[in-house]
Full PDB file with SEQRES, HELIX, SHEET, SSBOND, CRYST1, ORIGX, SCALE, CONECT and MASTER records, all heavy atoms in Angstrom:
SEQRES   1 A   39  THR GLU MET MET GLN GLN GLU THR ALA PRO VAL PRO ALA          
SEQRES   2 A   39  LEU SER GLU LYS THR LYS GLN PRO LYS GLU CYS PHE LEU          
SEQRES   3 A   39  ILE LYS PRO LYS GLU THR LYS GLU ASP ALA THR LYS ARG          
HELIX    1 AA1 GLU A    2  THR A    8  1                                   7    
HELIX    2 AA2 LYS A   33  LYS A   38  1                                   6    
CRYST1    1.000    1.000    1.000  90.00  90.00  90.00 P 1           1          
ORIGX1      1.000000  0.000000  0.000000        0.00000                         
ORIGX2      0.000000  1.000000  0.000000        0.00000                         
ORIGX3      0.000000  0.000000  1.000000        0.00000                         
SCALE1      1.000000  0.000000  0.000000        0.00000                         
SCALE2      0.000000  1.000000  0.000000        0.00000                         
SCALE3      0.000000  0.000000  1.000000        0.00000                         
ATOM      1  N   THR A   1      35.535  42.989   7.966  1.00  0.00           N  
ATOM      2  CA  THR A   1      34.107  42.753   8.393  1.00  0.00           C  
ATOM      3  C   THR A   1      33.338  41.897   7.353  1.00  0.00           C  
ATOM      4  O   THR A   1      32.607  40.958   7.726  1.00  0.00           O  
ATOM      5  CB  THR A   1      33.357  44.139   8.499  1.00  0.00           C  
ATOM      6  OG1 THR A   1      34.046  44.935   9.367  1.00  0.00           O  
ATOM      7  CG2 THR A   1      31.903  43.967   8.936  1.00  0.00           C  
ATOM      8  N   GLU A   2      33.665  42.132   6.062  1.00  0.00           N  
ATOM      9  CA  GLU A   2      33.037  41.356   5.024  1.00  0.00           C  
ATOM     10  C   GLU A   2      33.438  39.897   5.143  1.00  0.00           C  
ATOM     11  O   GLU A   2      32.628  38.996   4.938  1.00  0.00           O  
ATOM     12  CB  GLU A   2      33.423  41.950   3.664  1.00  0.00           C  
ATOM     13  CG  GLU A   2      32.631  41.265   2.492  1.00  0.00           C  
ATOM     14  CD  GLU A   2      33.028  41.960   1.189  1.00  0.00           C  
ATOM     15  OE1 GLU A   2      33.624  43.012   1.176  1.00  0.00           O  
ATOM     16  OE2 GLU A   2      32.636  41.319   0.149  1.00  0.00           O  
ATOM     17  N   MET A   3      34.762  39.646   5.370  1.00  0.00           N  
ATOM     18  CA  MET A   3      35.212  38.271   5.509  1.00  0.00           C  
ATOM     19  C   MET A   3      34.630  37.564   6.684  1.00  0.00           C  
ATOM     20  O   MET A   3      34.232  36.397   6.628  1.00  0.00           O  
ATOM     21  CB  MET A   3      36.779  38.288   5.628  1.00  0.00           C  
ATOM     22  CG  MET A   3      37.483  38.694   4.373  1.00  0.00           C  
ATOM     23  SD  MET A   3      39.262  38.751   4.590  1.00  0.00           S  
ATOM     24  CE  MET A   3      39.563  37.032   4.952  1.00  0.00           C  
ATOM     25  N   MET A   4      34.551  38.297   7.812  1.00  0.00           N  
ATOM     26  CA  MET A   4      33.928  37.666   8.982  1.00  0.00           C  
ATOM     27  C   MET A   4      32.492  37.316   8.736  1.00  0.00           C  
ATOM     28  O   MET A   4      31.971  36.273   9.109  1.00  0.00           O  
ATOM     29  CB  MET A   4      33.987  38.669  10.154  1.00  0.00           C  
ATOM     30  CG  MET A   4      35.465  38.840  10.745  1.00  0.00           C  
ATOM     31  SD  MET A   4      35.541  40.010  12.050  1.00  0.00           S  
ATOM     32  CE  MET A   4      34.530  39.187  13.267  1.00  0.00           C  
ATOM     33  N   GLN A   5      31.772  38.265   8.044  1.00  0.00           N  
ATOM     34  CA  GLN A   5      30.397  37.963   7.696  1.00  0.00           C  
ATOM     35  C   GLN A   5      30.269  36.696   6.806  1.00  0.00           C  
ATOM     36  O   GLN A   5      29.395  35.865   7.010  1.00  0.00           O  
ATOM     37  CB  GLN A   5      29.777  39.129   6.992  1.00  0.00           C  
ATOM     38  CG  GLN A   5      29.534  40.356   7.887  1.00  0.00           C  
ATOM     39  CD  GLN A   5      28.988  41.513   7.100  1.00  0.00           C  
ATOM     40  OE1 GLN A   5      29.063  41.537   5.880  1.00  0.00           O  
ATOM     41  NE2 GLN A   5      28.472  42.494   7.809  1.00  0.00           N  
ATOM     42  N   GLN A   6      31.180  36.497   5.899  1.00  0.00           N  
ATOM     43  CA  GLN A   6      31.200  35.288   5.018  1.00  0.00           C  
ATOM     44  C   GLN A   6      31.458  34.034   5.818  1.00  0.00           C  
ATOM     45  O   GLN A   6      30.851  32.943   5.627  1.00  0.00           O  
ATOM     46  CB  GLN A   6      32.202  35.460   3.864  1.00  0.00           C  
ATOM     47  CG  GLN A   6      31.813  36.505   2.854  1.00  0.00           C  
ATOM     48  CD  GLN A   6      32.858  36.619   1.765  1.00  0.00           C  
ATOM     49  OE1 GLN A   6      33.960  36.030   1.911  1.00  0.00           O  
ATOM     50  NE2 GLN A   6      32.604  37.439   0.765  1.00  0.00           N  
ATOM     51  N   GLU A   7      32.468  34.210   6.749  1.00  0.00           N  
ATOM     52  CA  GLU A   7      32.863  33.042   7.554  1.00  0.00           C  
ATOM     53  C   GLU A   7      31.733  32.658   8.528  1.00  0.00           C  
ATOM     54  O   GLU A   7      31.507  31.470   8.809  1.00  0.00           O  
ATOM     55  CB  GLU A   7      34.105  33.345   8.356  1.00  0.00           C  
ATOM     56  CG  GLU A   7      35.375  33.401   7.448  1.00  0.00           C  
ATOM     57  CD  GLU A   7      36.576  33.854   8.225  1.00  0.00           C  
ATOM     58  OE1 GLU A   7      36.484  34.011   9.448  1.00  0.00           O  
ATOM     59  OE2 GLU A   7      37.641  33.909   7.607  1.00  0.00           O  
ATOM     60  N   THR A   8      31.105  33.658   9.104  1.00  0.00           N  
ATOM     61  CA  THR A   8      30.113  33.356  10.155  1.00  0.00           C  
ATOM     62  C   THR A   8      28.671  33.265   9.588  1.00  0.00           C  
ATOM     63  O   THR A   8      27.770  33.096  10.322  1.00  0.00           O  
ATOM     64  CB  THR A   8      30.179  34.429  11.246  1.00  0.00           C  
ATOM     65  OG1 THR A   8      29.948  35.688  10.669  1.00  0.00           O  
ATOM     66  CG2 THR A   8      31.522  34.444  11.889  1.00  0.00           C  
ATOM     67  N   ALA A   9      28.548  33.461   8.317  1.00  0.00           N  
ATOM     68  CA  ALA A   9      27.185  33.430   7.724  1.00  0.00           C  
ATOM     69  C   ALA A   9      26.588  32.064   7.974  1.00  0.00           C  
ATOM     70  O   ALA A   9      27.169  31.082   7.659  1.00  0.00           O  
ATOM     71  CB  ALA A   9      27.318  33.767   6.227  1.00  0.00           C  
ATOM     72  N   PRO A  10      25.361  32.051   8.473  1.00  0.00           N  
ATOM     73  CA  PRO A  10      24.766  30.737   8.773  1.00  0.00           C  
ATOM     74  C   PRO A  10      24.413  29.941   7.502  1.00  0.00           C  
ATOM     75  O   PRO A  10      24.005  30.552   6.539  1.00  0.00           O  
ATOM     76  CB  PRO A  10      23.493  31.137   9.522  1.00  0.00           C  
ATOM     77  CG  PRO A  10      23.169  32.493   9.093  1.00  0.00           C  
ATOM     78  CD  PRO A  10      24.476  33.141   8.846  1.00  0.00           C  
ATOM     79  N   VAL A  11      24.568  28.670   7.611  1.00  0.00           N  
ATOM     80  CA  VAL A  11      24.228  27.791   6.440  1.00  0.00           C  
ATOM     81  C   VAL A  11      22.719  27.694   6.367  1.00  0.00           C  
ATOM     82  O   VAL A  11      22.039  27.412   7.408  1.00  0.00           O  
ATOM     83  CB  VAL A  11      24.817  26.331   6.642  1.00  0.00           C  
ATOM     84  CG1 VAL A  11      24.427  25.435   5.477  1.00  0.00           C  
ATOM     85  CG2 VAL A  11      26.302  26.454   6.738  1.00  0.00           C  
ATOM     86  N   PRO A  12      22.155  27.981   5.231  1.00  0.00           N  
ATOM     87  CA  PRO A  12      20.732  27.968   5.150  1.00  0.00           C  
ATOM     88  C   PRO A  12      20.144  26.578   5.420  1.00  0.00           C  
ATOM     89  O   PRO A  12      20.713  25.582   4.990  1.00  0.00           O  
ATOM     90  CB  PRO A  12      20.430  28.358   3.692  1.00  0.00           C  
ATOM     91  CG  PRO A  12      21.689  28.133   2.982  1.00  0.00           C  
ATOM     92  CD  PRO A  12      22.761  28.306   3.951  1.00  0.00           C  
ATOM     93  N   ALA A  13      19.094  26.518   6.179  1.00  0.00           N  
ATOM     94  CA  ALA A  13      18.460  25.229   6.550  1.00  0.00           C  
ATOM     95  C   ALA A  13      17.875  24.615   5.318  1.00  0.00           C  
ATOM     96  O   ALA A  13      17.332  25.230   4.439  1.00  0.00           O  
ATOM     97  CB  ALA A  13      17.382  25.478   7.598  1.00  0.00           C  
ATOM     98  N   LEU A  14      17.954  23.219   5.288  1.00  0.00           N  
ATOM     99  CA  LEU A  14      17.383  22.483   4.137  1.00  0.00           C  
ATOM    100  C   LEU A  14      15.841  22.561   4.221  1.00  0.00           C  
ATOM    101  O   LEU A  14      15.297  22.431   5.326  1.00  0.00           O  
ATOM    102  CB  LEU A  14      17.820  21.009   4.206  1.00  0.00           C  
ATOM    103  CG  LEU A  14      19.255  20.773   3.959  1.00  0.00           C  
ATOM    104  CD1 LEU A  14      19.568  19.321   4.261  1.00  0.00           C  
ATOM    105  CD2 LEU A  14      19.661  21.062   2.484  1.00  0.00           C  
ATOM    106  N   SER A  15      15.245  22.755   3.073  1.00  0.00           N  
ATOM    107  CA  SER A  15      13.814  22.847   3.110  1.00  0.00           C  
ATOM    108  C   SER A  15      13.280  21.381   3.282  1.00  0.00           C  
ATOM    109  O   SER A  15      13.932  20.411   3.197  1.00  0.00           O  
ATOM    110  CB  SER A  15      13.312  23.401   1.766  1.00  0.00           C  
ATOM    111  OG  SER A  15      13.633  22.544   0.714  1.00  0.00           O  
ATOM    112  N   GLU A  16      11.976  21.345   3.566  1.00  0.00           N  
ATOM    113  CA  GLU A  16      11.374  20.059   3.732  1.00  0.00           C  
ATOM    114  C   GLU A  16      11.495  19.136   2.485  1.00  0.00           C  
ATOM    115  O   GLU A  16      11.615  17.968   2.540  1.00  0.00           O  
ATOM    116  CB  GLU A  16       9.872  20.236   4.055  1.00  0.00           C  
ATOM    117  CG  GLU A  16       9.606  20.810   5.470  1.00  0.00           C  
ATOM    118  CD  GLU A  16      10.098  19.911   6.571  1.00  0.00           C  
ATOM    119  OE1 GLU A  16       9.923  18.662   6.379  1.00  0.00           O  
ATOM    120  OE2 GLU A  16      10.546  20.382   7.607  1.00  0.00           O  
ATOM    121  N   LYS A  17      11.426  19.867   1.303  1.00  0.00           N  
ATOM    122  CA  LYS A  17      11.515  19.081   0.077  1.00  0.00           C  
ATOM    123  C   LYS A  17      12.901  18.510  -0.156  1.00  0.00           C  
ATOM    124  O   LYS A  17      13.053  17.471  -0.747  1.00  0.00           O  
ATOM    125  CB  LYS A  17      11.201  20.056  -1.089  1.00  0.00           C  
ATOM    126  CG  LYS A  17       9.759  20.467  -1.093  1.00  0.00           C  
ATOM    127  CD  LYS A  17       9.427  21.327  -2.309  1.00  0.00           C  
ATOM    128  CE  LYS A  17       7.969  21.756  -2.373  1.00  0.00           C  
ATOM    129  NZ  LYS A  17       7.682  22.586  -3.517  1.00  0.00           N  
ATOM    130  N   THR A  18      14.007  19.205   0.334  1.00  0.00           N  
ATOM    131  CA  THR A  18      15.306  18.679   0.119  1.00  0.00           C  
ATOM    132  C   THR A  18      15.831  17.782   1.162  1.00  0.00           C  
ATOM    133  O   THR A  18      16.910  17.270   1.047  1.00  0.00           O  
ATOM    134  CB  THR A  18      16.296  19.910  -0.047  1.00  0.00           C  
ATOM    135  OG1 THR A  18      16.232  20.672   1.127  1.00  0.00           O  
ATOM    136  CG2 THR A  18      15.883  20.731  -1.239  1.00  0.00           C  
ATOM    137  N   LYS A  19      15.053  17.586   2.209  1.00  0.00           N  
ATOM    138  CA  LYS A  19      15.519  16.700   3.295  1.00  0.00           C  
ATOM    139  C   LYS A  19      15.528  15.268   2.773  1.00  0.00           C  
ATOM    140  O   LYS A  19      14.703  14.865   1.985  1.00  0.00           O  
ATOM    141  CB  LYS A  19      14.518  16.802   4.540  1.00  0.00           C  
ATOM    142  CG  LYS A  19      14.836  17.952   5.354  1.00  0.00           C  
ATOM    143  CD  LYS A  19      13.888  17.971   6.546  1.00  0.00           C  
ATOM    144  CE  LYS A  19      14.174  19.097   7.502  1.00  0.00           C  
ATOM    145  NZ  LYS A  19      13.265  19.062   8.707  1.00  0.00           N  
ATOM    146  N   GLN A  20      16.503  14.468   3.311  1.00  0.00           N  
ATOM    147  CA  GLN A  20      16.566  13.018   2.960  1.00  0.00           C  
ATOM    148  C   GLN A  20      15.370  12.310   3.524  1.00  0.00           C  
ATOM    149  O   GLN A  20      15.086  12.376   4.677  1.00  0.00           O  
ATOM    150  CB  GLN A  20      17.888  12.415   3.538  1.00  0.00           C  
ATOM    151  CG  GLN A  20      18.168  10.933   3.114  1.00  0.00           C  
ATOM    152  CD  GLN A  20      18.551  10.849   1.703  1.00  0.00           C  
ATOM    153  OE1 GLN A  20      18.990  11.804   1.073  1.00  0.00           O  
ATOM    154  NE2 GLN A  20      18.361   9.705   1.119  1.00  0.00           N  
ATOM    155  N   PRO A  21      14.695  11.637   2.637  1.00  0.00           N  
ATOM    156  CA  PRO A  21      13.471  10.949   3.140  1.00  0.00           C  
ATOM    157  C   PRO A  21      13.828   9.827   4.187  1.00  0.00           C  
ATOM    158  O   PRO A  21      14.784   9.165   4.038  1.00  0.00           O  
ATOM    159  CB  PRO A  21      12.844  10.325   1.909  1.00  0.00           C  
ATOM    160  CG  PRO A  21      13.950  10.229   0.952  1.00  0.00           C  
ATOM    161  CD  PRO A  21      14.867  11.403   1.221  1.00  0.00           C  
ATOM    162  N   LYS A  22      12.970   9.691   5.159  1.00  0.00           N  
ATOM    163  CA  LYS A  22      13.262   8.732   6.191  1.00  0.00           C  
ATOM    164  C   LYS A  22      13.069   7.309   5.605  1.00  0.00           C  
ATOM    165  O   LYS A  22      13.742   6.372   6.021  1.00  0.00           O  
ATOM    166  CB  LYS A  22      12.328   8.905   7.362  1.00  0.00           C  
ATOM    167  CG  LYS A  22      12.605  10.197   8.089  1.00  0.00           C  
ATOM    168  CD  LYS A  22      11.661  10.359   9.363  1.00  0.00           C  
ATOM    169  CE  LYS A  22      12.023  11.603  10.086  1.00  0.00           C  
ATOM    170  NZ  LYS A  22      11.098  11.760  11.237  1.00  0.00           N  
ATOM    171  N   GLU A  23      12.056   7.110   4.706  1.00  0.00           N  
ATOM    172  CA  GLU A  23      11.847   5.834   4.115  1.00  0.00           C  
ATOM    173  C   GLU A  23      11.824   5.969   2.599  1.00  0.00           C  
ATOM    174  O   GLU A  23      11.137   6.822   2.031  1.00  0.00           O  
ATOM    175  CB  GLU A  23      10.468   5.290   4.536  1.00  0.00           C  
ATOM    176  CG  GLU A  23      10.445   4.746   5.938  1.00  0.00           C  
ATOM    177  CD  GLU A  23       9.189   4.012   6.319  1.00  0.00           C  
ATOM    178  OE1 GLU A  23       8.337   3.892   5.395  1.00  0.00           O  
ATOM    179  OE2 GLU A  23       9.052   3.645   7.437  1.00  0.00           O  
ATOM    180  N   CYS A  24      12.614   5.110   1.964  1.00  0.00           N  
ATOM    181  CA  CYS A  24      12.723   5.164   0.485  1.00  0.00           C  
ATOM    182  C   CYS A  24      11.813   4.097  -0.026  1.00  0.00           C  
ATOM    183  O   CYS A  24      11.667   2.998   0.585  1.00  0.00           O  
ATOM    184  CB  CYS A  24      14.152   4.943   0.019  1.00  0.00           C  
ATOM    185  SG  CYS A  24      14.331   4.827  -1.753  1.00  0.00           S  
ATOM    186  N   PHE A  25      11.126   4.338  -1.136  1.00  0.00           N  
ATOM    187  CA  PHE A  25      10.247   3.324  -1.662  1.00  0.00           C  
ATOM    188  C   PHE A  25      10.975   2.057  -2.156  1.00  0.00           C  
ATOM    189  O   PHE A  25      10.382   0.969  -2.378  1.00  0.00           O  
ATOM    190  CB  PHE A  25       9.469   3.880  -2.874  1.00  0.00           C  
ATOM    191  CG  PHE A  25      10.293   4.213  -4.038  1.00  0.00           C  
ATOM    192  CD1 PHE A  25      10.470   3.273  -5.102  1.00  0.00           C  
ATOM    193  CD2 PHE A  25      10.877   5.476  -4.201  1.00  0.00           C  
ATOM    194  CE1 PHE A  25      11.287   3.611  -6.185  1.00  0.00           C  
ATOM    195  CE2 PHE A  25      11.584   5.797  -5.305  1.00  0.00           C  
ATOM    196  CZ  PHE A  25      11.841   4.873  -6.301  1.00  0.00           C  
ATOM    197  N   LEU A  26      12.330   2.129  -2.210  1.00  0.00           N  
ATOM    198  CA  LEU A  26      13.092   0.987  -2.559  1.00  0.00           C  
ATOM    199  C   LEU A  26      13.376   0.028  -1.399  1.00  0.00           C  
ATOM    200  O   LEU A  26      13.741  -1.142  -1.539  1.00  0.00           O  
ATOM    201  CB  LEU A  26      14.470   1.353  -3.179  1.00  0.00           C  
ATOM    202  CG  LEU A  26      14.411   2.077  -4.520  1.00  0.00           C  
ATOM    203  CD1 LEU A  26      15.802   2.618  -4.917  1.00  0.00           C  
ATOM    204  CD2 LEU A  26      13.809   1.146  -5.571  1.00  0.00           C  
ATOM    205  N   ILE A  27      13.182   0.543  -0.214  1.00  0.00           N  
ATOM    206  CA  ILE A  27      13.428  -0.200   1.002  1.00  0.00           C  
ATOM    207  C   ILE A  27      12.327  -1.291   1.147  1.00  0.00           C  
ATOM    208  O   ILE A  27      11.134  -0.987   0.989  1.00  0.00           O  
ATOM    209  CB  ILE A  27      13.448   0.684   2.257  1.00  0.00           C  
ATOM    210  CG1 ILE A  27      14.598   1.671   2.177  1.00  0.00           C  
ATOM    211  CG2 ILE A  27      13.525  -0.135   3.510  1.00  0.00           C  
ATOM    212  CD1 ILE A  27      14.602   2.679   3.251  1.00  0.00           C  
ATOM    213  N   LYS A  28      12.699  -2.520   1.390  1.00  0.00           N  
ATOM    214  CA  LYS A  28      11.810  -3.639   1.507  1.00  0.00           C  
ATOM    215  C   LYS A  28      10.901  -3.467   2.757  1.00  0.00           C  
ATOM    216  O   LYS A  28      11.404  -3.308   3.836  1.00  0.00           O  
ATOM    217  CB  LYS A  28      12.541  -4.958   1.626  1.00  0.00           C  
ATOM    218  CG  LYS A  28      11.595  -6.220   1.588  1.00  0.00           C  
ATOM    219  CD  LYS A  28      12.420  -7.431   1.632  1.00  0.00           C  
ATOM    220  CE  LYS A  28      11.481  -8.635   1.615  1.00  0.00           C  
ATOM    221  NZ  LYS A  28      12.220  -9.910   1.647  1.00  0.00           N  
ATOM    222  N   PRO A  29       9.619  -3.341   2.633  1.00  0.00           N  
ATOM    223  CA  PRO A  29       8.771  -3.195   3.758  1.00  0.00           C  
ATOM    224  C   PRO A  29       8.808  -4.410   4.716  1.00  0.00           C  
ATOM    225  O   PRO A  29       9.089  -5.559   4.288  1.00  0.00           O  
ATOM    226  CB  PRO A  29       7.356  -3.050   3.151  1.00  0.00           C  
ATOM    227  CG  PRO A  29       7.465  -3.766   1.859  1.00  0.00           C  
ATOM    228  CD  PRO A  29       8.876  -3.569   1.370  1.00  0.00           C  
ATOM    229  N   LYS A  30       8.600  -4.147   5.947  1.00  0.00           N  
ATOM    230  CA  LYS A  30       8.650  -5.200   6.940  1.00  0.00           C  
ATOM    231  C   LYS A  30       7.501  -6.198   6.676  1.00  0.00           C  
ATOM    232  O   LYS A  30       6.365  -5.838   6.488  1.00  0.00           O  
ATOM    233  CB  LYS A  30       8.505  -4.597   8.317  1.00  0.00           C  
ATOM    234  CG  LYS A  30       8.695  -5.595   9.460  1.00  0.00           C  
ATOM    235  CD  LYS A  30       8.676  -4.903  10.776  1.00  0.00           C  
ATOM    236  CE  LYS A  30       8.906  -5.936  11.911  1.00  0.00           C  
ATOM    237  NZ  LYS A  30       8.850  -5.238  13.264  1.00  0.00           N  
ATOM    238  N   GLU A  31       7.872  -7.509   6.745  1.00  0.00           N  
ATOM    239  CA  GLU A  31       6.887  -8.528   6.449  1.00  0.00           C  
ATOM    240  C   GLU A  31       5.893  -8.693   7.618  1.00  0.00           C  
ATOM    241  O   GLU A  31       6.302  -8.781   8.748  1.00  0.00           O  
ATOM    242  CB  GLU A  31       7.574  -9.849   6.168  1.00  0.00           C  
ATOM    243  CG  GLU A  31       6.617 -10.924   5.704  1.00  0.00           C  
ATOM    244  CD  GLU A  31       7.410 -12.231   5.385  1.00  0.00           C  
ATOM    245  OE1 GLU A  31       8.000 -12.768   6.343  1.00  0.00           O  
ATOM    246  OE2 GLU A  31       7.389 -12.636   4.237  1.00  0.00           O  
ATOM    247  N   THR A  32       4.698  -8.674   7.244  1.00  0.00           N  
ATOM    248  CA  THR A  32       3.597  -8.928   8.271  1.00  0.00           C  
ATOM    249  C   THR A  32       3.357 -10.390   8.452  1.00  0.00           C  
ATOM    250  O   THR A  32       3.738 -11.275   7.616  1.00  0.00           O  
ATOM    251  CB  THR A  32       2.325  -8.218   7.888  1.00  0.00           C  
ATOM    252  OG1 THR A  32       1.827  -8.766   6.701  1.00  0.00           O  
ATOM    253  CG2 THR A  32       2.589  -6.726   7.710  1.00  0.00           C  
ATOM    254  N   LYS A  33       2.568 -10.794   9.480  1.00  0.00           N  
ATOM    255  CA  LYS A  33       2.214 -12.163   9.690  1.00  0.00           C  
ATOM    256  C   LYS A  33       1.321 -12.665   8.504  1.00  0.00           C  
ATOM    257  O   LYS A  33       1.451 -13.809   8.096  1.00  0.00           O  
ATOM    258  CB  LYS A  33       1.434 -12.317  10.988  1.00  0.00           C  
ATOM    259  CG  LYS A  33       2.284 -12.186  12.257  1.00  0.00           C  
ATOM    260  CD  LYS A  33       1.467 -12.438  13.448  1.00  0.00           C  
ATOM    261  CE  LYS A  33       2.377 -12.300  14.715  1.00  0.00           C  
ATOM    262  NZ  LYS A  33       1.572 -12.529  15.954  1.00  0.00           N  
ATOM    263  N   GLU A  34       0.506 -11.796   8.018  1.00  0.00           N  
ATOM    264  CA  GLU A  34      -0.323 -12.177   6.887  1.00  0.00           C  
ATOM    265  C   GLU A  34       0.447 -12.464   5.665  1.00  0.00           C  
ATOM    266  O   GLU A  34       0.177 -13.481   4.944  1.00  0.00           O  
ATOM    267  CB  GLU A  34      -1.349 -10.994   6.606  1.00  0.00           C  
ATOM    268  CG  GLU A  34      -2.393 -11.348   5.523  1.00  0.00           C  
ATOM    269  CD  GLU A  34      -3.325 -10.242   5.293  1.00  0.00           C  
ATOM    270  OE1 GLU A  34      -3.283  -9.244   6.050  1.00  0.00           O  
ATOM    271  OE2 GLU A  34      -4.141 -10.302   4.300  1.00  0.00           O  
ATOM    272  N   ASP A  35       1.464 -11.660   5.407  1.00  0.00           N  
ATOM    273  CA  ASP A  35       2.328 -11.917   4.246  1.00  0.00           C  
ATOM    274  C   ASP A  35       3.065 -13.240   4.378  1.00  0.00           C  
ATOM    275  O   ASP A  35       3.250 -13.934   3.434  1.00  0.00           O  
ATOM    276  CB  ASP A  35       3.389 -10.771   4.086  1.00  0.00           C  
ATOM    277  CG  ASP A  35       2.693  -9.411   3.757  1.00  0.00           C  
ATOM    278  OD1 ASP A  35       1.674  -9.474   3.139  1.00  0.00           O  
ATOM    279  OD2 ASP A  35       3.282  -8.403   4.077  1.00  0.00           O  
ATOM    280  N   ALA A  36       3.549 -13.493   5.623  1.00  0.00           N  
ATOM    281  CA  ALA A  36       4.278 -14.783   5.895  1.00  0.00           C  
ATOM    282  C   ALA A  36       3.455 -15.928   5.652  1.00  0.00           C  
ATOM    283  O   ALA A  36       3.829 -17.025   5.112  1.00  0.00           O  
ATOM    284  CB  ALA A  36       4.875 -14.755   7.287  1.00  0.00           C  
ATOM    285  N   THR A  37       2.180 -15.869   6.101  1.00  0.00           N  
ATOM    286  CA  THR A  37       1.231 -16.925   5.883  1.00  0.00           C  
ATOM    287  C   THR A  37       0.965 -17.207   4.401  1.00  0.00           C  
ATOM    288  O   THR A  37       0.945 -18.343   3.997  1.00  0.00           O  
ATOM    289  CB  THR A  37      -0.150 -16.600   6.580  1.00  0.00           C  
ATOM    290  OG1 THR A  37       0.121 -16.381   7.947  1.00  0.00           O  
ATOM    291  CG2 THR A  37      -1.130 -17.804   6.489  1.00  0.00           C  
ATOM    292  N   LYS A  38       0.780 -16.115   3.664  1.00  0.00           N  
ATOM    293  CA  LYS A  38       0.547 -16.270   2.211  1.00  0.00           C  
ATOM    294  C   LYS A  38       1.755 -16.942   1.519  1.00  0.00           C  
ATOM    295  O   LYS A  38       1.638 -17.718   0.654  1.00  0.00           O  
ATOM    296  CB  LYS A  38       0.270 -14.881   1.568  1.00  0.00           C  
ATOM    297  CG  LYS A  38      -1.111 -14.308   1.920  1.00  0.00           C  
ATOM    298  CD  LYS A  38      -1.304 -12.930   1.241  1.00  0.00           C  
ATOM    299  CE  LYS A  38      -2.702 -12.393   1.562  1.00  0.00           C  
ATOM    300  NZ  LYS A  38      -2.882 -11.112   0.994  1.00  0.00           N  
ATOM    301  N   ARG A  39       2.913 -16.512   1.968  1.00  0.00           N  
ATOM    302  CA  ARG A  39       4.146 -17.078   1.409  1.00  0.00           C  
ATOM    303  C   ARG A  39       4.293 -18.539   1.631  1.00  0.00           C  
ATOM    304  O   ARG A  39       4.652 -19.323   0.780  1.00  0.00           O  
ATOM    305  CB  ARG A  39       5.384 -16.310   1.931  1.00  0.00           C  
ATOM    306  CG  ARG A  39       6.695 -16.716   1.300  1.00  0.00           C  
ATOM    307  CD  ARG A  39       7.753 -15.668   1.547  1.00  0.00           C  
ATOM    308  NE  ARG A  39       7.797 -15.248   2.905  1.00  0.00           N  
ATOM    309  CZ  ARG A  39       8.502 -15.976   3.866  1.00  0.00           C  
ATOM    310  NH1 ARG A  39       9.112 -17.103   3.522  1.00  0.00           N  
ATOM    311  NH2 ARG A  39       8.548 -15.534   5.085  1.00  0.00           N  
TER     312      ARG A  39                                                      
MASTER        0    0    0    2    0    0    0    6  311    1    0    3          
END                                                                             
């Protein structure tokens, strides 16, 4: 029973803090028309 409980124990859900961010600050932001004009 103990082994089954270990095997079937649910994996704890990742907290909001540990989730992979959808956008990283290193990712180059999409260029706007205003940015293109300035360039």
